[in-house]
PDB file of N, CA and C in Angstrom:
ATOM      1  N   MET A   1      20.250  -8.379   0.741  1.00  0.00           N
ATOM      2  CA  MET A   1      18.862  -8.488   1.623  1.00  0.00           C
ATOM      3  C   MET A   1      17.728  -7.918   0.932  1.00  0.00           C
ATOM      4  N   ALA A   2      17.791  -6.819   0.429  1.00  0.00           N
ATOM      5  CA  ALA A   2      16.802  -6.043  -0.292  1.00  0.00           C
ATOM      6  C   ALA A   2      16.264  -6.899  -1.346  1.00  0.00           C
ATOM      7  N   ASN A   3      17.213  -7.593  -2.299  1.00  0.00           N
ATOM      8  CA  ASN A   3      16.800  -8.237  -3.332  1.00  0.00           C
ATOM      9  C   ASN A   3      16.048  -9.462  -2.738  1.00  0.00           C
ATOM     10  N   THR A   4      16.477 -10.029  -1.805  1.00  0.00           N
ATOM     11  CA  THR A   4      15.803 -11.338  -1.532  1.00  0.00           C
ATOM     12  C   THR A   4      14.450 -11.125  -1.073  1.00  0.00           C
ATOM     13  N   MET A   5      14.198  -9.844  -0.370  1.00  0.00           N
ATOM     14  CA  MET A   5      12.919  -9.519   0.014  1.00  0.00           C
ATOM     15  C   MET A   5      12.167  -9.237  -1.137  1.00  0.00           C
ATOM     16  N   PHE A   6      12.714  -8.582  -1.994  1.00  0.00           N
ATOM     17  CA  PHE A   6      11.839  -8.223  -3.268  1.00  0.00           C
ATOM     18  C   PHE A   6      11.462  -9.483  -4.005  1.00  0.00           C
ATOM     19  N   VAL A   7      12.315 -10.373  -4.114  1.00  0.00           N
ATOM     20  CA  VAL A   7      11.869 -11.766  -4.593  1.00  0.00           C
ATOM     21  C   VAL A   7      10.877 -12.369  -3.848  1.00  0.00           C
ATOM     22  N   LYS A   8      10.990 -12.225  -2.599  1.00  0.00           N
ATOM     23  CA  LYS A   8       9.799 -13.040  -1.893  1.00  0.00           C
ATOM     24  C   LYS A   8       8.502 -12.138  -2.075  1.00  0.00           C
ATOM     25  N   VAL A   9       8.728 -10.937  -2.094  1.00  0.00           N
ATOM     26  CA  VAL A   9       7.337 -10.189  -2.425  1.00  0.00           C
ATOM     27  C   VAL A   9       6.732 -10.526  -3.931  1.00  0.00           C
ATOM     28  N   ILE A  10       7.545 -10.769  -4.695  1.00  0.00           N
ATOM     29  CA  ILE A  10       7.028 -10.998  -6.128  1.00  0.00           C
ATOM     30  C   ILE A  10       6.641 -12.358  -6.179  1.00  0.00           C
ATOM     31  N   LEU A  11       7.348 -13.440  -5.626  1.00  0.00           N
ATOM     32  CA  LEU A  11       6.579 -14.818  -5.422  1.00  0.00           C
ATOM     33  C   LEU A  11       5.474 -14.811  -4.725  1.00  0.00           C
ATOM     34  N   LEU A  12       5.333 -14.099  -3.578  1.00  0.00           N
ATOM     35  CA  LEU A  12       4.132 -13.865  -2.823  1.00  0.00           C
ATOM     36  C   LEU A  12       2.835 -13.410  -3.518  1.00  0.00           C
ATOM     37  N   ALA A  13       3.003 -12.327  -4.331  1.00  0.00           N
ATOM     38  CA  ALA A  13       2.264 -11.706  -5.129  1.00  0.00           C
ATOM     39  C   ALA A  13       1.678 -12.654  -6.388  1.00  0.00           C
ATOM     40  N   MET A  14       2.834 -13.260  -6.855  1.00  0.00           N
ATOM     41  CA  MET A  14       2.386 -14.136  -7.856  1.00  0.00           C
ATOM     42  C   MET A  14       1.577 -15.280  -7.487  1.00  0.00           C
ATOM     43  N   THR A  15       2.020 -15.891  -6.417  1.00  0.00           N
ATOM     44  CA  THR A  15       1.296 -17.067  -5.853  1.00  0.00           C
ATOM     45  C   THR A  15      -0.368 -16.553  -5.450  1.00  0.00           C
ATOM     46  N   CYS A  16      -0.337 -15.662  -4.943  1.00  0.00           N
ATOM     47  CA  CYS A  16      -1.680 -14.926  -4.714  1.00  0.00           C
ATOM     48  C   CYS A  16      -2.548 -14.750  -5.871  1.00  0.00           C
ATOM     49  N   PHE A  17      -1.832 -14.158  -6.878  1.00  0.00           N
ATOM     50  CA  PHE A  17      -2.493 -14.006  -8.101  1.00  0.00           C
ATOM     51  C   PHE A  17      -2.988 -15.203  -8.803  1.00  0.00           C
ATOM     52  N   VAL A  18      -2.074 -16.151  -8.742  1.00  0.00           N
ATOM     53  CA  VAL A  18      -2.480 -17.501  -9.371  1.00  0.00           C
ATOM     54  C   VAL A  18      -3.629 -18.176  -8.737  1.00  0.00           C
ATOM     55  N   LEU A  19      -3.503 -18.222  -7.220  1.00  0.00           N
ATOM     56  CA  LEU A  19      -4.471 -18.892  -6.488  1.00  0.00           C
ATOM     57  C   LEU A  19      -5.799 -18.400  -6.306  1.00  0.00           C
ATOM     58  N   SER A  20      -5.895 -16.970  -6.669  1.00  0.00           N
ATOM     59  CA  SER A  20      -6.918 -16.214  -6.395  1.00  0.00           C
ATOM     60  C   SER A  20      -7.454 -15.431  -7.644  1.00  0.00           C
ATOM     61  N   SER A  21      -7.176 -16.016  -8.850  1.00  0.00           N
ATOM     62  CA  SER A  21      -7.630 -15.156 -10.054  1.00  0.00           C
ATOM     63  C   SER A  21      -9.009 -15.070 -10.013  1.00  0.00           C
ATOM     64  N   PRO A  22      -9.410 -13.816 -10.246  1.00  0.00           N
ATOM     65  CA  PRO A  22     -11.164 -13.699 -10.102  1.00  0.00           C
ATOM     66  C   PRO A  22     -11.737 -14.056 -11.386  1.00  0.00           C
ATOM     67  N   LEU A  23     -12.843 -14.379 -11.347  1.00  0.00           N
ATOM     68  CA  LEU A  23     -13.612 -14.585 -12.603  1.00  0.00           C
ATOM     69  C   LEU A  23     -13.901 -13.186 -13.339  1.00  0.00           C
ATOM     70  N   ALA A  24     -14.631 -13.387 -14.365  1.00  0.00           N
ATOM     71  CA  ALA A  24     -14.714 -12.021 -15.079  1.00  0.00           C
ATOM     72  C   ALA A  24     -16.043 -11.200 -14.172  1.00  0.00           C
ATOM     73  N   ASN A  25     -15.502 -10.053 -14.139  1.00  0.00           N
ATOM     74  CA  ASN A  25     -16.555  -9.049 -13.415  1.00  0.00           C
ATOM     75  C   ASN A  25     -16.600  -9.295 -11.821  1.00  0.00           C
ATOM     76  N   ALA A  26     -15.636 -10.032 -11.221  1.00  0.00           N
ATOM     77  CA  ALA A  26     -15.547 -10.221 -10.017  1.00  0.00           C
ATOM     78  C   ALA A  26     -14.597  -9.450  -9.445  1.00  0.00           C
ATOM     79  N   ALA A  27     -14.485  -9.242  -7.892  1.00  0.00           N
ATOM     80  CA  ALA A  27     -13.697  -8.472  -7.141  1.00  0.00           C
ATOM     81  C   ALA A  27     -12.311  -8.781  -7.474  1.00  0.00           C
ATOM     82  N   LEU A  28     -11.616  -7.603  -7.375  1.00  0.00           N
ATOM     83  CA  LEU A  28     -10.032  -7.798  -7.260  1.00  0.00           C
ATOM     84  C   LEU A  28      -9.449  -8.723  -6.582  1.00  0.00           C
ATOM     85  N   SER A  29      -8.403  -9.383  -6.884  1.00  0.00           N
ATOM     86  CA  SER A  29      -7.721 -10.450  -5.879  1.00  0.00           C
ATOM     87  C   SER A  29      -6.586  -9.596  -5.256  1.00  0.00           C
ATOM     88  N   CYS A  30      -6.298 -10.176  -3.953  1.00  0.00           N
ATOM     89  CA  CYS A  30      -5.207  -9.434  -3.388  1.00  0.00           C
ATOM     90  C   CYS A  30      -4.013  -9.641  -4.140  1.00  0.00           C
ATOM     91  N   GLY A  31      -3.815 -10.839  -4.732  1.00  0.00           N
ATOM     92  CA  GLY A  31      -2.541 -10.868  -5.569  1.00  0.00           C
ATOM     93  C   GLY A  31      -2.350  -9.694  -6.647  1.00  0.00           C
ATOM     94  N   GLN A  32      -3.549  -9.476  -7.198  1.00  0.00           N
ATOM     95  CA  GLN A  32      -3.596  -8.394  -8.327  1.00  0.00           C
ATOM     96  C   GLN A  32      -3.036  -6.987  -7.636  1.00  0.00           C
ATOM     97  N   ILE A  33      -3.647  -6.848  -6.412  1.00  0.00           N
ATOM     98  CA  ILE A  33      -3.492  -5.635  -5.813  1.00  0.00           C
ATOM     99  C   ILE A  33      -1.958  -5.607  -5.395  1.00  0.00           C
ATOM    100  N   GLN A  34      -1.355  -6.630  -4.959  1.00  0.00           N
ATOM    101  CA  GLN A  34       0.014  -6.913  -4.555  1.00  0.00           C
ATOM    102  C   GLN A  34       1.007  -6.648  -5.621  1.00  0.00           C
ATOM    103  N   LEU A  35       0.740  -7.054  -6.797  1.00  0.00           N
ATOM    104  CA  LEU A  35       1.450  -6.894  -8.056  1.00  0.00           C
ATOM    105  C   LEU A  35       1.522  -5.429  -8.318  1.00  0.00           C
ATOM    106  N   SER A  36       0.236  -4.805  -8.168  1.00  0.00           N
ATOM    107  CA  SER A  36       0.210  -3.300  -8.576  1.00  0.00           C
ATOM    108  C   SER A  36       1.292  -2.487  -7.811  1.00  0.00           C
ATOM    109  N   ILE A  37       1.395  -2.934  -6.452  1.00  0.00           N
ATOM    110  CA  ILE A  37       2.034  -1.973  -5.472  1.00  0.00           C
ATOM    111  C   ILE A  37       3.426  -2.574  -5.369  1.00  0.00           C
ATOM    112  N   THR A  38       3.837  -3.617  -5.846  1.00  0.00           N
ATOM    113  CA  THR A  38       5.187  -4.256  -5.636  1.00  0.00           C
ATOM    114  C   THR A  38       6.424  -3.103  -6.015  1.00  0.00           C
ATOM    115  N   PRO A  39       6.003  -2.366  -6.980  1.00  0.00           N
ATOM    116  CA  PRO A  39       7.063  -1.467  -7.302  1.00  0.00           C
ATOM    117  C   PRO A  39       7.297  -0.294  -6.415  1.00  0.00           C
ATOM    118  N   CYS A  40       6.568  -0.155  -5.259  1.00  0.00           N
ATOM    119  CA  CYS A  40       6.438   0.740  -4.208  1.00  0.00           C
ATOM    120  C   CYS A  40       7.257   0.285  -3.003  1.00  0.00           C
ATOM    121  N   ILE A  41       7.474  -0.883  -2.856  1.00  0.00           N
ATOM    122  CA  ILE A  41       8.082  -1.490  -1.630  1.00  0.00           C
ATOM    123  C   ILE A  41       9.468  -0.644  -1.375  1.00  0.00           C
ATOM    124  N   GLY A  42      10.264  -0.739  -2.301  1.00  0.00           N
ATOM    125  CA  GLY A  42      11.534   0.011  -1.980  1.00  0.00           C
ATOM    126  C   GLY A  42      11.572   1.372  -1.590  1.00  0.00           C
ATOM    127  N   TYR A  43      10.619   2.092  -2.306  1.00  0.00           N
ATOM    128  CA  TYR A  43      10.294   3.388  -1.801  1.00  0.00           C
ATOM    129  C   TYR A  43       9.666   3.569  -0.451  1.00  0.00           C
ATOM    130  N   LEU A  44       8.841   2.763  -0.200  1.00  0.00           N
ATOM    131  CA  LEU A  44       8.024   2.861   1.176  1.00  0.00           C
ATOM    132  C   LEU A  44       9.014   2.321   2.200  1.00  0.00           C
ATOM    133  N   ARG A  45      10.136   1.716   1.857  1.00  0.00           N
ATOM    134  CA  ARG A  45      11.288   1.312   2.959  1.00  0.00           C
ATOM    135  C   ARG A  45      12.145   2.565   3.108  1.00  0.00           C
ATOM    136  N   SER A  46      12.591   3.078   2.045  1.00  0.00           N
ATOM    137  CA  SER A  46      13.473   4.288   1.862  1.00  0.00           C
ATOM    138  C   SER A  46      12.955   5.368   0.979  1.00  0.00           C
ATOM    139  N   PRO A  47      11.854   6.135   1.685  1.00  0.00           N
ATOM    140  CA  PRO A  47      11.434   7.323   0.642  1.00  0.00           C
ATOM    141  C   PRO A  47      12.419   8.246   0.290  1.00  0.00           C
ATOM    142  N   THR A  48      12.279   8.602  -1.038  1.00  0.00           N
ATOM    143  CA  THR A  48      12.921   9.738  -1.664  1.00  0.00           C
ATOM    144  C   THR A  48      11.946  10.792  -2.052  1.00  0.00           C
ATOM    145  N   PRO A  49      12.471  11.946  -2.458  1.00  0.00           N
ATOM    146  CA  PRO A  49      11.664  13.164  -2.581  1.00  0.00           C
ATOM    147  C   PRO A  49      10.517  12.934  -3.729  1.00  0.00           C
ATOM    148  N   THR A  50      10.998  12.164  -4.742  1.00  0.00           N
ATOM    149  CA  THR A  50      10.095  11.740  -5.762  1.00  0.00           C
ATOM    150  C   THR A  50       9.794  10.294  -5.787  1.00  0.00           C
ATOM    151  N   VAL A  51       8.296  10.002  -5.628  1.00  0.00           N
ATOM    152  CA  VAL A  51       7.937   8.631  -5.858  1.00  0.00           C
ATOM    153  C   VAL A  51       8.309   8.028  -7.426  1.00  0.00           C
ATOM    154  N   PRO A  52       8.962   6.759  -7.415  1.00  0.00           N
ATOM    155  CA  PRO A  52       9.277   6.313  -8.632  1.00  0.00           C
ATOM    156  C   PRO A  52       7.966   6.026  -9.538  1.00  0.00           C
ATOM    157  N   ALA A  53       8.195   6.484 -10.877  1.00  0.00           N
ATOM    158  CA  ALA A  53       7.187   6.228 -11.848  1.00  0.00           C
ATOM    159  C   ALA A  53       6.449   4.906 -11.907  1.00  0.00           C
ATOM    160  N   PRO A  54       7.116   3.828 -11.795  1.00  0.00           N
ATOM    161  CA  PRO A  54       6.541   2.487 -11.808  1.00  0.00           C
ATOM    162  C   PRO A  54       5.814   2.377 -10.496  1.00  0.00           C
ATOM    163  N   CYS A  55       5.950   2.842  -9.430  1.00  0.00           N
ATOM    164  CA  CYS A  55       5.198   2.775  -8.135  1.00  0.00           C
ATOM    165  C   CYS A  55       3.848   3.573  -8.519  1.00  0.00           C
ATOM    166  N   CYS A  56       4.009   4.741  -8.775  1.00  0.00           N
ATOM    167  CA  CYS A  56       2.809   5.727  -9.282  1.00  0.00           C
ATOM    168  C   CYS A  56       1.949   4.977 -10.298  1.00  0.00           C
ATOM    169  N   ASN A  57       2.470   4.594 -11.308  1.00  0.00           N
ATOM    170  CA  ASN A  57       1.833   3.773 -12.216  1.00  0.00           C
ATOM    171  C   ASN A  57       0.857   2.609 -11.600  1.00  0.00           C
ATOM    172  N   GLY A  58       1.448   1.845 -10.784  1.00  0.00           N
ATOM    173  CA  GLY A  58       0.706   0.832 -10.055  1.00  0.00           C
ATOM    174  C   GLY A  58      -0.436   1.507  -9.165  1.00  0.00           C
ATOM    175  N   VAL A  59      -0.213   2.358  -8.486  1.00  0.00           N
ATOM    176  CA  VAL A  59      -1.066   2.926  -7.585  1.00  0.00           C
ATOM    177  C   VAL A  59      -2.310   3.705  -8.397  1.00  0.00           C
ATOM    178  N   ARG A  60      -2.079   4.133  -9.483  1.00  0.00           N
ATOM    179  CA  ARG A  60      -3.047   4.731 -10.495  1.00  0.00           C
ATOM    180  C   ARG A  60      -3.820   3.654 -11.125  1.00  0.00           C
ATOM    181  N   ASN A  61      -2.952   2.601 -11.415  1.00  0.00           N
ATOM    182  CA  ASN A  61      -3.803   1.255 -12.043  1.00  0.00           C
ATOM    183  C   ASN A  61      -4.803   0.779 -10.910  1.00  0.00           C
ATOM    184  N   LEU A  62      -4.142   0.645  -9.873  1.00  0.00           N
ATOM    185  CA  LEU A  62      -5.040  -0.156  -8.802  1.00  0.00           C
ATOM    186  C   LEU A  62      -6.392   1.061  -8.834  1.00  0.00           C
ATOM    187  N   ASN A  63      -6.231   2.146  -8.575  1.00  0.00           N
ATOM    188  CA  ASN A  63      -7.277   3.132  -8.309  1.00  0.00           C
ATOM    189  C   ASN A  63      -8.266   2.975  -9.455  1.00  0.00           C
ATOM    190  N   ASN A  64      -7.659   2.874 -10.673  1.00  0.00           N
ATOM    191  CA  ASN A  64      -8.616   2.780 -11.831  1.00  0.00           C
ATOM    192  C   ASN A  64      -9.452   1.471 -12.016  1.00  0.00           C
ATOM    193  N   LEU A  65      -8.781   0.281 -11.322  1.00  0.00           N
ATOM    194  CA  LEU A  65      -9.519  -1.016 -11.258  1.00  0.00           C
ATOM    195  C   LEU A  65     -10.438  -1.230 -10.309  1.00  0.00           C
ATOM    196  N   ALA A  66     -10.225  -0.451  -9.083  1.00  0.00           N
ATOM    197  CA  ALA A  66     -11.214  -0.638  -7.910  1.00  0.00           C
ATOM    198  C   ALA A  66     -12.209   0.390  -8.204  1.00  0.00           C
ATOM    199  N   LYS A  67     -13.478   0.248  -8.816  1.00  0.00           N
ATOM    200  CA  LYS A  67     -14.494   1.017  -9.201  1.00  0.00           C
ATOM    201  C   LYS A  67     -15.423   0.969  -8.152  1.00  0.00           C
ATOM    202  N   THR A  68     -15.755  -0.203  -7.553  1.00  0.00           N
ATOM    203  CA  THR A  68     -16.897  -0.267  -6.763  1.00  0.00           C
ATOM    204  C   THR A  68     -16.526  -0.236  -5.246  1.00  0.00           C
ATOM    205  N   THR A  69     -17.536   0.011  -4.269  1.00  0.00           N
ATOM    206  CA  THR A  69     -17.231  -0.022  -2.821  1.00  0.00           C
ATOM    207  C   THR A  69     -16.718  -1.293  -2.490  1.00  0.00           C
ATOM    208  N   PRO A  70     -17.316  -2.514  -2.798  1.00  0.00           N
ATOM    209  CA  PRO A  70     -16.729  -3.761  -2.346  1.00  0.00           C
ATOM    210  C   PRO A  70     -15.225  -3.780  -2.926  1.00  0.00           C
ATOM    211  N   ASP A  71     -14.950  -3.318  -4.165  1.00  0.00           N
ATOM    212  CA  ASP A  71     -13.548  -3.520  -4.744  1.00  0.00           C
ATOM    213  C   ASP A  71     -12.685  -2.695  -4.095  1.00  0.00           C
ATOM    214  N   ARG A  72     -12.948  -1.252  -3.556  1.00  0.00           N
ATOM    215  CA  ARG A  72     -12.217  -0.503  -2.863  1.00  0.00           C
ATOM    216  C   ARG A  72     -11.965  -1.005  -1.306  1.00  0.00           C
ATOM    217  N   GLN A  73     -13.094  -1.671  -0.718  1.00  0.00           N
ATOM    218  CA  GLN A  73     -12.925  -2.098   0.539  1.00  0.00           C
ATOM    219  C   GLN A  73     -11.905  -3.272   0.552  1.00  0.00           C
ATOM    220  N   GLY A  74     -12.078  -4.211  -0.404  1.00  0.00           N
ATOM    221  CA  GLY A  74     -11.072  -5.297  -0.710  1.00  0.00           C
ATOM    222  C   GLY A  74      -9.822  -4.965  -0.709  1.00  0.00           C
ATOM    223  N   ALA A  75      -9.505  -3.852  -1.734  1.00  0.00           N
ATOM    224  CA  ALA A  75      -8.078  -3.186  -1.793  1.00  0.00           C
ATOM    225  C   ALA A  75      -7.623  -2.851  -0.471  1.00  0.00           C
ATOM    226  N   CYS A  76      -8.522  -2.135   0.174  1.00  0.00           N
ATOM    227  CA  CYS A  76      -7.934  -1.632   1.470  1.00  0.00           C
ATOM    228  C   CYS A  76      -7.633  -2.638   2.387  1.00  0.00           C
ATOM    229  N   ARG A  77      -8.355  -3.835   2.536  1.00  0.00           N
ATOM    230  CA  ARG A  77      -8.044  -4.856   3.328  1.00  0.00           C
ATOM    231  C   ARG A  77      -6.737  -5.486   3.079  1.00  0.00           C
ATOM    232  N   CYS A  78      -6.553  -5.616   1.490  1.00  0.00           N
ATOM    233  CA  CYS A  78      -5.323  -6.059   1.234  1.00  0.00           C
ATOM    234  C   CYS A  78      -3.894  -5.394   1.511  1.00  0.00           C
ATOM    235  N   LEU A  79      -4.318  -3.952   1.266  1.00  0.00           N
ATOM    236  CA  LEU A  79      -3.189  -3.063   1.448  1.00  0.00           C
ATOM    237  C   LEU A  79      -2.891  -3.086   2.944  1.00  0.00           C
ATOM    238  N   LYS A  80      -3.948  -3.092   3.829  1.00  0.00           N
ATOM    239  CA  LYS A  80      -3.702  -3.191   5.384  1.00  0.00           C
ATOM    240  C   LYS A  80      -2.909  -4.574   5.645  1.00  0.00           C
ATOM    241  N   PHE A  81      -3.516  -5.475   5.282  1.00  0.00           N
ATOM    242  CA  PHE A  81      -2.732  -7.024   5.450  1.00  0.00           C
ATOM    243  C   PHE A  81      -1.337  -6.762   4.872  1.00  0.00           C
ATOM    244  N   THR A  82      -1.034  -6.415   3.569  1.00  0.00           N
ATOM    245  CA  THR A  82       0.266  -6.205   3.159  1.00  0.00           C
ATOM    246  C   THR A  82       1.236  -5.559   3.942  1.00  0.00           C
ATOM    247  N   ALA A  83       0.720  -4.275   4.351  1.00  0.00           N
ATOM    248  CA  ALA A  83       1.489  -3.495   5.144  1.00  0.00           C
ATOM    249  C   ALA A  83       1.965  -3.955   6.523  1.00  0.00           C
ATOM    250  N   THR A  84       1.028  -4.788   6.961  1.00  0.00           N
ATOM    251  CA  THR A  84       1.488  -5.504   8.470  1.00  0.00           C
ATOM    252  C   THR A  84       2.625  -6.498   8.103  1.00  0.00           C
ATOM    253  N   ARG A  85       2.727  -7.001   6.998  1.00  0.00           N
ATOM    254  CA  ARG A  85       3.562  -8.335   6.713  1.00  0.00           C
ATOM    255  C   ARG A  85       5.100  -7.734   6.311  1.00  0.00           C
ATOM    256  N   PHE A  86       5.283  -6.547   6.042  1.00  0.00           N
ATOM    257  CA  PHE A  86       6.480  -6.115   5.624  1.00  0.00           C
ATOM    258  C   PHE A  86       7.052  -5.025   6.681  1.00  0.00           C
ATOM    259  N   PRO A  87       8.004  -5.526   7.592  1.00  0.00           N
ATOM    260  CA  PRO A  87       8.679  -4.632   8.409  1.00  0.00           C
ATOM    261  C   PRO A  87       9.541  -3.626   7.629  1.00  0.00           C
ATOM    262  N   GLY A  88       9.477  -2.443   8.368  1.00  0.00           N
ATOM    263  CA  GLY A  88      10.357  -1.405   8.024  1.00  0.00           C
ATOM    264  C   GLY A  88       9.784  -0.570   7.027  1.00  0.00           C
ATOM    265  N   LEU A  89       8.482  -0.646   6.847  1.00  0.00           N
ATOM    266  CA  LEU A  89       7.773   0.369   6.008  1.00  0.00           C
ATOM    267  C   LEU A  89       7.708   1.756   6.701  1.00  0.00           C
ATOM    268  N   ASN A  90       7.750   2.749   5.975  1.00  0.00           N
ATOM    269  CA  ASN A  90       7.595   3.984   6.451  1.00  0.00           C
ATOM    270  C   ASN A  90       6.122   4.444   6.430  1.00  0.00           C
ATOM    271  N   LEU A  91       5.564   4.514   7.587  1.00  0.00           N
ATOM    272  CA  LEU A  91       4.267   4.537   7.539  1.00  0.00           C
ATOM    273  C   LEU A  91       3.627   6.040   7.024  1.00  0.00           C
ATOM    274  N   PRO A  92       4.303   7.002   7.233  1.00  0.00           N
ATOM    275  CA  PRO A  92       3.918   8.362   6.865  1.00  0.00           C
ATOM    276  C   PRO A  92       4.002   8.426   5.269  1.00  0.00           C
ATOM    277  N   ALA A  93       5.133   7.637   4.606  1.00  0.00           N
ATOM    278  CA  ALA A  93       5.244   7.745   3.234  1.00  0.00           C
ATOM    279  C   ALA A  93       4.170   6.806   2.500  1.00  0.00           C
ATOM    280  N   LEU A  94       3.708   5.641   3.338  1.00  0.00           N
ATOM    281  CA  LEU A  94       2.506   4.924   2.748  1.00  0.00           C
ATOM    282  C   LEU A  94       1.352   5.680   2.916  1.00  0.00           C
ATOM    283  N   ALA A  95       0.989   6.554   4.004  1.00  0.00           N
ATOM    284  CA  ALA A  95      -0.252   7.274   3.960  1.00  0.00           C
ATOM    285  C   ALA A  95      -0.374   8.321   3.009  1.00  0.00           C
ATOM    286  N   ALA A  96       0.889   8.862   2.560  1.00  0.00           N
ATOM    287  CA  ALA A  96       0.944   9.986   1.468  1.00  0.00           C
ATOM    288  C   ALA A  96       1.007   9.528   0.078  1.00  0.00           C
ATOM    289  N   LEU A  97       1.261   8.403   0.175  1.00  0.00           N
ATOM    290  CA  LEU A  97       1.498   7.743  -1.323  1.00  0.00           C
ATOM    291  C   LEU A  97       0.475   8.096  -2.325  1.00  0.00           C
ATOM    292  N   PRO A  98      -0.769   7.809  -1.992  1.00  0.00           N
ATOM    293  CA  PRO A  98      -1.761   8.201  -3.274  1.00  0.00           C
ATOM    294  C   PRO A  98      -1.756   9.373  -3.582  1.00  0.00           C
ATOM    295  N   THR A  99      -1.837  10.376  -2.752  1.00  0.00           N
ATOM    296  CA  THR A  99      -1.440  11.922  -2.851  1.00  0.00           C
ATOM    297  C   THR A  99      -0.428  12.308  -3.511  1.00  0.00           C
ATOM    298  N   ASN A 100       0.820  11.667  -3.368  1.00  0.00           N
ATOM    299  CA  ASN A 100       2.054  11.909  -4.136  1.00  0.00           C
ATOM    300  C   ASN A 100       1.994  11.361  -5.459  1.00  0.00           C
ATOM    301  N   CYS A 101       1.152  10.500  -5.504  1.00  0.00           N
ATOM    302  CA  CYS A 101       1.192   9.730  -6.991  1.00  0.00           C
ATOM    303  C   CYS A 101      -0.150  10.625  -7.883  1.00  0.00           C
ATOM    304  N   GLY A 102      -0.747  11.446  -7.254  1.00  0.00           N
ATOM    305  CA  GLY A 102      -1.725  12.127  -7.824  1.00  0.00           C
ATOM    306  C   GLY A 102      -3.106  11.315  -7.857  1.00  0.00           C
ATOM    307  N   VAL A 103      -3.286  10.648  -6.866  1.00  0.00           N
ATOM    308  CA  VAL A 103      -4.612   9.917  -6.741  1.00  0.00           C
ATOM    309  C   VAL A 103      -5.244  10.376  -5.606  1.00  0.00           C
ATOM    310  N   ASN A 104      -6.303  10.987  -5.654  1.00  0.00           N
ATOM    311  CA  ASN A 104      -7.184  11.380  -4.633  1.00  0.00           C
ATOM    312  C   ASN A 104      -8.043  10.509  -3.855  1.00  0.00           C
ATOM    313  N   LEU A 105      -7.632   9.972  -2.564  1.00  0.00           N
ATOM    314  CA  LEU A 105      -8.364   9.156  -1.636  1.00  0.00           C
ATOM    315  C   LEU A 105      -8.893   9.964  -0.514  1.00  0.00           C
ATOM    316  N   PRO A 106     -10.073   9.646  -0.165  1.00  0.00           N
ATOM    317  CA  PRO A 106     -10.656  10.578   1.057  1.00  0.00           C
ATOM    318  C   PRO A 106     -10.273   9.874   2.259  1.00  0.00           C
ATOM    319  N   TYR A 107      -9.245   8.932   2.420  1.00  0.00           N
ATOM    320  CA  TYR A 107      -8.675   8.391   3.619  1.00  0.00           C
ATOM    321  C   TYR A 107      -7.333   8.093   3.293  1.00  0.00           C
ATOM    322  N   LYS A 108      -6.683   7.655   4.563  1.00  0.00           N
ATOM    323  CA  LYS A 108      -5.198   7.312   4.613  1.00  0.00           C
ATOM    324  C   LYS A 108      -4.931   5.884   4.561  1.00  0.00           C
ATOM    325  N   ILE A 109      -4.033   5.463   3.960  1.00  0.00           N
ATOM    326  CA  ILE A 109      -3.705   4.104   3.991  1.00  0.00           C
ATOM    327  C   ILE A 109      -2.826   3.829   5.278  1.00  0.00           C
ATOM    328  N   SER A 110      -3.160   2.874   6.141  1.00  0.00           N
ATOM    329  CA  SER A 110      -2.559   2.685   7.341  1.00  0.00           C
ATOM    330  C   SER A 110      -2.815   1.350   7.839  1.00  0.00           C
ATOM    331  N   PRO A 111      -1.957   0.748   8.781  1.00  0.00           N
ATOM    332  CA  PRO A 111      -2.256  -0.705   9.164  1.00  0.00           C
ATOM    333  C   PRO A 111      -3.476  -0.515  10.247  1.00  0.00           C
ATOM    334  N   SER A 112      -4.111   0.581  10.575  1.00  0.00           N
ATOM    335  CA  SER A 112      -5.029   0.671  11.452  1.00  0.00           C
ATOM    336  C   SER A 112      -6.385   1.170  10.771  1.00  0.00           C
ATOM    337  N   ILE A 113      -6.377   1.290   9.832  1.00  0.00           N
ATOM    338  CA  ILE A 113      -7.543   2.084   8.938  1.00  0.00           C
ATOM    339  C   ILE A 113      -8.779   1.001   9.097  1.00  0.00           C
ATOM    340  N   ASP A 114      -9.907   1.515   9.214  1.00  0.00           N
ATOM    341  CA  ASP A 114     -11.009   0.836   9.419  1.00  0.00           C
ATOM    342  C   ASP A 114     -11.743   0.547   7.865  1.00  0.00           C
ATOM    343  N   CYS A 115     -11.390  -0.510   7.169  1.00  0.00           N
ATOM    344  CA  CYS A 115     -11.752  -0.508   5.691  1.00  0.00           C
ATOM    345  C   CYS A 115     -13.218  -0.483   5.457  1.00  0.00           C
ATOM    346  N   ASN A 116     -14.108  -0.660   6.464  1.00  0.00           N
ATOM    347  CA  ASN A 116     -15.476  -0.546   6.153  1.00  0.00           C
ATOM    348  C   ASN A 116     -15.942   0.876   5.893  1.00  0.00           C
ATOM    349  N   ILE A 117     -15.227   1.775   6.208  1.00  0.00           N
ATOM    350  CA  ILE A 117     -15.623   3.151   6.063  1.00  0.00           C
ATOM    351  C   ILE A 117     -15.128   3.629   4.458  1.00  0.00           C
ATOM    352  N   VAL A 118     -14.350   2.665   3.865  1.00  0.00           N
ATOM    353  CA  VAL A 118     -14.034   3.108   2.446  1.00  0.00           C
ATOM    354  C   VAL A 118     -15.224   3.115   1.423  1.00  0.00           C
ATOM    355  N   LYS A 119     -15.504   4.069   0.700  1.00  0.00           N
ATOM    356  CA  LYS A 119     -16.615   4.034  -0.208  1.00  0.00           C
ATOM    357  C   LYS A 119     -16.223   4.495  -1.491  1.00  0.00           C
ATOM    358  N   HIS A 120     -16.734   3.992  -2.590  1.00  0.00           N
ATOM    359  CA  HIS A 120     -16.462   4.597  -3.875  1.00  0.00           C
ATOM    360  C   HIS A 120     -16.822   6.080  -4.122  1.00  0.00           C
TER     361      HIS A 120
END
């Protein structure tokens, strides 16, 4: 079952990436964001004491790519949307994920976050 869900996540992310590929210097697409965090899905369903390296690499990569306020707000909206579409995510683990990966965000990721407050 977990493998089936993982395949669905990958296919969804790849589809979003292909359909919403940004032009040069344009905002990040939700597909790009989802691909960055795909390695985190297993961890967010069954947290372990240590976040897997591929997950943290994706979180750090996403943080490095989202440089502007619109990019960060778009990433927030995408993460919020994605979090509501995958049942069984551990929301406290999701909120702590950036910190546990060494990324300093001034807000917690959650399905109820107001992404308009997110600033660069």
